[in-house]
Amino acid sequence: MTVGTKMHQTLNSISSAKTQLKTFALESQDQNAKQQFSNLANQLESIEQSLTGRVNYIEQQEPQYKVYQQQQQQQQ
């Protein structure tokens, strides 16, 4: 497994966790929990953006890491 593939998998995991936290925030009746879930989702959003920037940089420097995106497109 290449670094590019691992980074894309990490991005997918972060995105999934962020979505789950947003769902928890919407479903929670406790205002403190709702706020905490929203804050955590926002933190993951920031991490996701930073990591996406890093992935884009790596793919520009090392085009072979774009293979992961090509595999994903072929599967669809």
N, C-alpha and C. Protein backbone atom coordinates (compact mmCIF):
# COMPACT_ATOMS: atom_id res chain seq x y z
N MET A 1 0.85 -1.16 0.00
CA MET A 1 0.00 0.00 0.00
C MET A 1 0.90 1.24 0.00
N THR A 2 0.63 2.14 -0.90
CA THR A 2 1.47 3.34 -1.02
C THR A 2 1.07 4.40 -0.01
N VAL A 3 1.94 5.36 0.16
CA VAL A 3 1.66 6.49 1.04
C VAL A 3 0.39 7.21 0.57
N GLY A 4 0.27 7.39 -0.74
CA GLY A 4 -0.90 8.07 -1.29
C GLY A 4 -2.19 7.34 -0.94
N THR A 5 -2.19 6.03 -1.06
CA THR A 5 -3.37 5.25 -0.73
C THR A 5 -3.70 5.37 0.75
N LYS A 6 -2.70 5.30 1.59
CA LYS A 6 -2.92 5.42 3.04
C LYS A 6 -3.47 6.80 3.40
N MET A 7 -2.96 7.83 2.76
CA MET A 7 -3.44 9.18 3.05
C MET A 7 -4.89 9.36 2.61
N HIS A 8 -5.25 8.79 1.47
CA HIS A 8 -6.64 8.87 1.02
C HIS A 8 -7.56 8.08 1.95
N GLN A 9 -7.11 6.95 2.42
CA GLN A 9 -7.91 6.18 3.36
C GLN A 9 -8.10 6.96 4.67
N THR A 10 -7.05 7.64 5.09
CA THR A 10 -7.15 8.46 6.30
C THR A 10 -8.14 9.59 6.09
N LEU A 11 -8.10 10.23 4.93
CA LEU A 11 -9.07 11.28 4.62
C LEU A 11 -10.50 10.75 4.66
N ASN A 12 -10.70 9.57 4.09
CA ASN A 12 -12.03 8.96 4.11
C ASN A 12 -12.49 8.69 5.53
N SER A 13 -11.60 8.22 6.37
CA SER A 13 -11.94 7.94 7.77
C SER A 13 -12.29 9.22 8.52
N ILE A 14 -11.52 10.27 8.30
CA ILE A 14 -11.79 11.55 8.94
C ILE A 14 -13.14 12.09 8.50
N SER A 15 -13.41 12.00 7.21
CA SER A 15 -14.69 12.47 6.68
C SER A 15 -15.86 11.70 7.28
N SER A 16 -15.69 10.40 7.41
CA SER A 16 -16.74 9.57 8.01
C SER A 16 -16.98 9.95 9.46
N ALA A 17 -15.90 10.12 10.22
CA ALA A 17 -16.03 10.50 11.64
C ALA A 17 -16.69 11.87 11.77
N LYS A 18 -16.32 12.79 10.90
CA LYS A 18 -16.91 14.13 10.93
C LYS A 18 -18.42 14.05 10.68
N THR A 19 -18.82 13.25 9.72
CA THR A 19 -20.24 13.08 9.41
C THR A 19 -20.98 12.47 10.60
N GLN A 20 -20.38 11.49 11.24
CA GLN A 20 -21.02 10.87 12.41
C GLN A 20 -21.18 11.88 13.54
N LEU A 21 -20.18 12.69 13.77
CA LEU A 21 -20.28 13.70 14.83
C LEU A 21 -21.37 14.72 14.54
N LYS A 22 -21.49 15.11 13.27
CA LYS A 22 -22.56 16.04 12.90
C LYS A 22 -23.93 15.41 13.12
N THR A 23 -24.04 14.12 12.84
CA THR A 23 -25.29 13.40 13.07
C THR A 23 -25.60 13.35 14.56
N PHE A 24 -24.59 13.06 15.37
CA PHE A 24 -24.79 13.03 16.83
C PHE A 24 -25.27 14.40 17.32
N ALA A 25 -24.69 15.46 16.78
CA ALA A 25 -25.08 16.80 17.19
C ALA A 25 -26.54 17.08 16.85
N LEU A 26 -26.96 16.63 15.69
CA LEU A 26 -28.35 16.85 15.28
C LEU A 26 -29.33 16.03 16.11
N GLU A 27 -28.92 14.84 16.49
CA GLU A 27 -29.81 13.93 17.20
C GLU A 27 -29.83 14.14 18.70
N SER A 28 -28.83 14.80 19.24
CA SER A 28 -28.71 14.96 20.69
C SER A 28 -29.73 15.97 21.22
N GLN A 29 -30.31 15.66 22.36
CA GLN A 29 -31.22 16.58 23.03
C GLN A 29 -30.47 17.47 24.03
N ASP A 30 -29.33 17.00 24.49
CA ASP A 30 -28.52 17.72 25.46
C ASP A 30 -27.74 18.82 24.73
N GLN A 31 -27.96 20.05 25.13
CA GLN A 31 -27.31 21.18 24.44
C GLN A 31 -25.79 21.17 24.61
N ASN A 32 -25.30 20.72 25.75
CA ASN A 32 -23.85 20.63 25.94
C ASN A 32 -23.25 19.59 25.01
N ALA A 33 -23.90 18.45 24.92
CA ALA A 33 -23.41 17.39 24.02
C ALA A 33 -23.49 17.86 22.57
N LYS A 34 -24.58 18.52 22.22
CA LYS A 34 -24.75 19.03 20.86
C LYS A 34 -23.61 19.98 20.49
N GLN A 35 -23.27 20.87 21.42
CA GLN A 35 -22.18 21.82 21.18
C GLN A 35 -20.84 21.11 21.08
N GLN A 36 -20.62 20.15 21.95
CA GLN A 36 -19.36 19.41 21.93
C GLN A 36 -19.20 18.63 20.62
N PHE A 37 -20.26 17.95 20.18
CA PHE A 37 -20.19 17.22 18.91
C PHE A 37 -19.93 18.16 17.75
N SER A 38 -20.55 19.32 17.77
CA SER A 38 -20.34 20.30 16.70
C SER A 38 -18.90 20.80 16.70
N ASN A 39 -18.37 21.08 17.89
CA ASN A 39 -16.98 21.53 17.98
C ASN A 39 -16.00 20.47 17.48
N LEU A 40 -16.25 19.24 17.85
CA LEU A 40 -15.38 18.15 17.39
C LEU A 40 -15.46 17.99 15.87
N ALA A 41 -16.65 18.10 15.32
CA ALA A 41 -16.82 18.01 13.87
C ALA A 41 -16.07 19.14 13.17
N ASN A 42 -16.10 20.33 13.76
CA ASN A 42 -15.37 21.47 13.18
C ASN A 42 -13.86 21.24 13.24
N GLN A 43 -13.39 20.65 14.32
CA GLN A 43 -11.97 20.34 14.43
C GLN A 43 -11.55 19.34 13.36
N LEU A 44 -12.39 18.32 13.15
CA LEU A 44 -12.08 17.34 12.10
C LEU A 44 -12.12 17.98 10.72
N GLU A 45 -13.01 18.94 10.52
CA GLU A 45 -13.07 19.66 9.25
C GLU A 45 -11.74 20.37 8.98
N SER A 46 -11.21 21.00 10.00
CA SER A 46 -9.93 21.69 9.87
C SER A 46 -8.80 20.70 9.56
N ILE A 47 -8.79 19.58 10.26
CA ILE A 47 -7.79 18.54 10.02
C ILE A 47 -7.92 18.00 8.60
N GLU A 48 -9.15 17.77 8.18
CA GLU A 48 -9.41 17.25 6.84
C GLU A 48 -8.89 18.22 5.77
N GLN A 49 -9.12 19.51 5.96
CA GLN A 49 -8.64 20.49 5.00
C GLN A 49 -7.12 20.53 4.94
N SER A 50 -6.49 20.46 6.11
CA SER A 50 -5.02 20.46 6.15
C SER A 50 -4.44 19.23 5.46
N LEU A 51 -5.02 18.07 5.75
CA LEU A 51 -4.54 16.84 5.15
C LEU A 51 -4.81 16.81 3.64
N THR A 52 -5.92 17.36 3.22
CA THR A 52 -6.22 17.44 1.79
C THR A 52 -5.17 18.28 1.08
N GLY A 53 -4.79 19.39 1.69
CA GLY A 53 -3.73 20.22 1.12
C GLY A 53 -2.42 19.45 1.01
N ARG A 54 -2.13 18.67 2.01
CA ARG A 54 -0.90 17.87 1.99
C ARG A 54 -0.96 16.81 0.90
N VAL A 55 -2.10 16.15 0.77
CA VAL A 55 -2.28 15.13 -0.27
C VAL A 55 -2.12 15.76 -1.65
N ASN A 56 -2.71 16.92 -1.85
CA ASN A 56 -2.58 17.60 -3.15
C ASN A 56 -1.13 17.93 -3.45
N TYR A 57 -0.42 18.39 -2.44
CA TYR A 57 1.00 18.71 -2.62
C TYR A 57 1.80 17.46 -2.99
N ILE A 58 1.58 16.39 -2.25
CA ILE A 58 2.29 15.15 -2.52
C ILE A 58 2.01 14.65 -3.93
N GLU A 59 0.75 14.73 -4.35
CA GLU A 59 0.40 14.24 -5.68
C GLU A 59 1.00 15.10 -6.78
N GLN A 60 1.23 16.38 -6.50
CA GLN A 60 1.91 17.22 -7.48
C GLN A 60 3.39 16.86 -7.56
N GLN A 61 3.98 16.56 -6.41
CA GLN A 61 5.40 16.23 -6.36
C GLN A 61 5.69 14.80 -6.83
N GLU A 62 4.76 13.91 -6.51
CA GLU A 62 4.93 12.48 -6.83
C GLU A 62 3.67 11.98 -7.54
N PRO A 63 3.56 12.18 -8.85
CA PRO A 63 2.34 11.84 -9.59
C PRO A 63 1.89 10.38 -9.46
N GLN A 64 2.80 9.48 -9.13
CA GLN A 64 2.41 8.07 -9.00
C GLN A 64 1.41 7.87 -7.86
N TYR A 65 1.33 8.81 -6.91
CA TYR A 65 0.38 8.68 -5.81
C TYR A 65 -1.05 8.96 -6.25
N LYS A 66 -1.24 9.48 -7.45
CA LYS A 66 -2.58 9.72 -7.97
C LYS A 66 -3.26 8.41 -8.38
N VAL A 67 -2.55 7.33 -8.31
CA VAL A 67 -3.08 6.02 -8.68
C VAL A 67 -4.34 5.72 -7.87
N TYR A 68 -4.37 6.10 -6.60
CA TYR A 68 -5.53 5.83 -5.74
C TYR A 68 -6.79 6.45 -6.35
N GLN A 69 -6.71 7.68 -6.80
CA GLN A 69 -7.86 8.34 -7.41
C GLN A 69 -8.28 7.63 -8.68
N GLN A 70 -7.33 7.20 -9.46
CA GLN A 70 -7.66 6.49 -10.69
C GLN A 70 -8.36 5.17 -10.38
N GLN A 71 -7.92 4.47 -9.33
CA GLN A 71 -8.57 3.21 -8.95
C GLN A 71 -10.00 3.45 -8.52
N GLN A 72 -10.24 4.51 -7.77
CA GLN A 72 -11.57 4.84 -7.30
C GLN A 72 -12.50 5.15 -8.48
N GLN A 73 -12.00 5.86 -9.47
CA GLN A 73 -12.82 6.19 -10.64
C GLN A 73 -13.13 4.96 -11.45
N GLN A 74 -12.21 4.02 -11.55
CA GLN A 74 -12.44 2.80 -12.30
C GLN A 74 -13.48 1.91 -11.63
N GLN A 75 -13.53 1.94 -10.31
CA GLN A 75 -14.50 1.12 -9.57
C GLN A 75 -15.92 1.64 -9.71
N GLN A 76 -16.07 2.91 -10.04
CA GLN A 76 -17.41 3.49 -10.18
C GLN A 76 -17.93 3.28 -11.53
